[in-house]
Amino acid sequence: MKSTLWVSLALCTSPLFLKGQLSFTNATSLMSNTTTSGGCMGVVDMNGDGLDDIAKLHNSRVFQVDYQNADGSFTLVDYGTVSGSGQWGMAIGDVNNDGHKDLVSGGSYDGVHFLSIDAPGVSNLSSLNNGSLFTQCVNIADVDNDGHNDYFACHDDGAPRIWLNNESGGLIYNDYVDFSTNPTSDMSGNYGSVWIDFDNDGDLDLYIAHCRQGVNNPADPRRWNRLFVNDGNNNYTDLAEEYGVQIRNQSWTADFGDIDNDGDLDMVVTNHDATIQLFENDGTGHYTDITAGCGMEVTGFFLQSKFVDLDNDGFVDVLIAGGSGSAHVFMNDGDRTFTEIANPMPASKSLHSFATGDLNNDG
């Protein structure tokens, strides 16, 4: 279903935040194309000019970037259409280290697509080898810690896949991580992925939220969320159970942020078979479920979750949206509990997907 992409600007009603008063203003008029369908999108400085831009997949297939101008308006650049069906995942990052962000995407068995951007309006769109997979989520991250960004894709019908950077900006398929399970499975159900340094040891680790349609037995590993811990030598081992995050509730997404400002990364997870869950990091990477009484015990069809400090009070808040079009904003109270904001979005606007950033440069 086509929906209007609109820019959300967080406006506080007073210098001191008052619970229930955070609101967003519809600023779509700043954009040159206000009838864009943006299933996948991101807000990031694409060209290094210090201004946040908006990258998106129009109609789930057309790479577009709205470049922000100095006056706050946007100029749309169309970078071409990917072949095949609509794309389910898109990631943004500088793959060839030229100072311009690039885009990668994947969909339902129609290849993996790489848009290399050399300058606004100057690009090359190509498909990667071994890209026949049902992509649910994609990431750009330095998987092998060599200083060059690589590409990761969640495969819903099999093991995830990795393309390593050849240090010239080319992405080469590589069986870099062993994704096998015990007990044995087809390694499917990979839905949402996050590359983070959860244990603060200086290297990236990988967390995958698992949701496999038709799998009803919690003992089936295709339902188990997985945490691949990097040992410092780029060897990855699934230690989700040991660290307390092997959730088996058919999870959609996960995100990491420091909810209590103690210097470690806590986690929020959205599930199909349970409420949203909140986990606290004890400082060593081990997690405790602190959902009960946290203020976020809601259920729903939530496809995105994100920690972001919406009111600039120094504590990360939680923004969640999903297939039902409903959005939930939970403001951090500073004591590991959250307060939900009623009707945070403009009237009549549904929110199926989102990206956040400072689009009016007000801090």
Foldseek 3Di string as FASTA:
>chain_A
DFDWDWDWAWDAPDLDHDPQRIATDTPLVLEPDGRFRFLEKAWAQFQPPPATKIWGDGVQFWTKIFHADPVLHTDIATDDGADDDGWQEKEWAQQQPQRGIWMWTAAAQRFIKTWHDNHRNDIDIDGAPPGRAHFQYKYWAQLQPPPGTWIWTAGQQAAIWTFHRPNRSDTHTDPLADQADVVGDRSHFFHEKDWDPQQPPPHTKMKTQGAHPPDDDLVDLSQWIWIFDQPPNSHTDTPCVVQVRRDRQRWQYKDWDQQQPPPGIWMWIAGQRAFIWTWDDPNRSRTDTPRVPQARRDHDAWNDKDWDQSSPPPGTWMWIAADVQDIWTWDRPNPSHTHIHPPRYPPPGGDHDDYDDNSPPPD
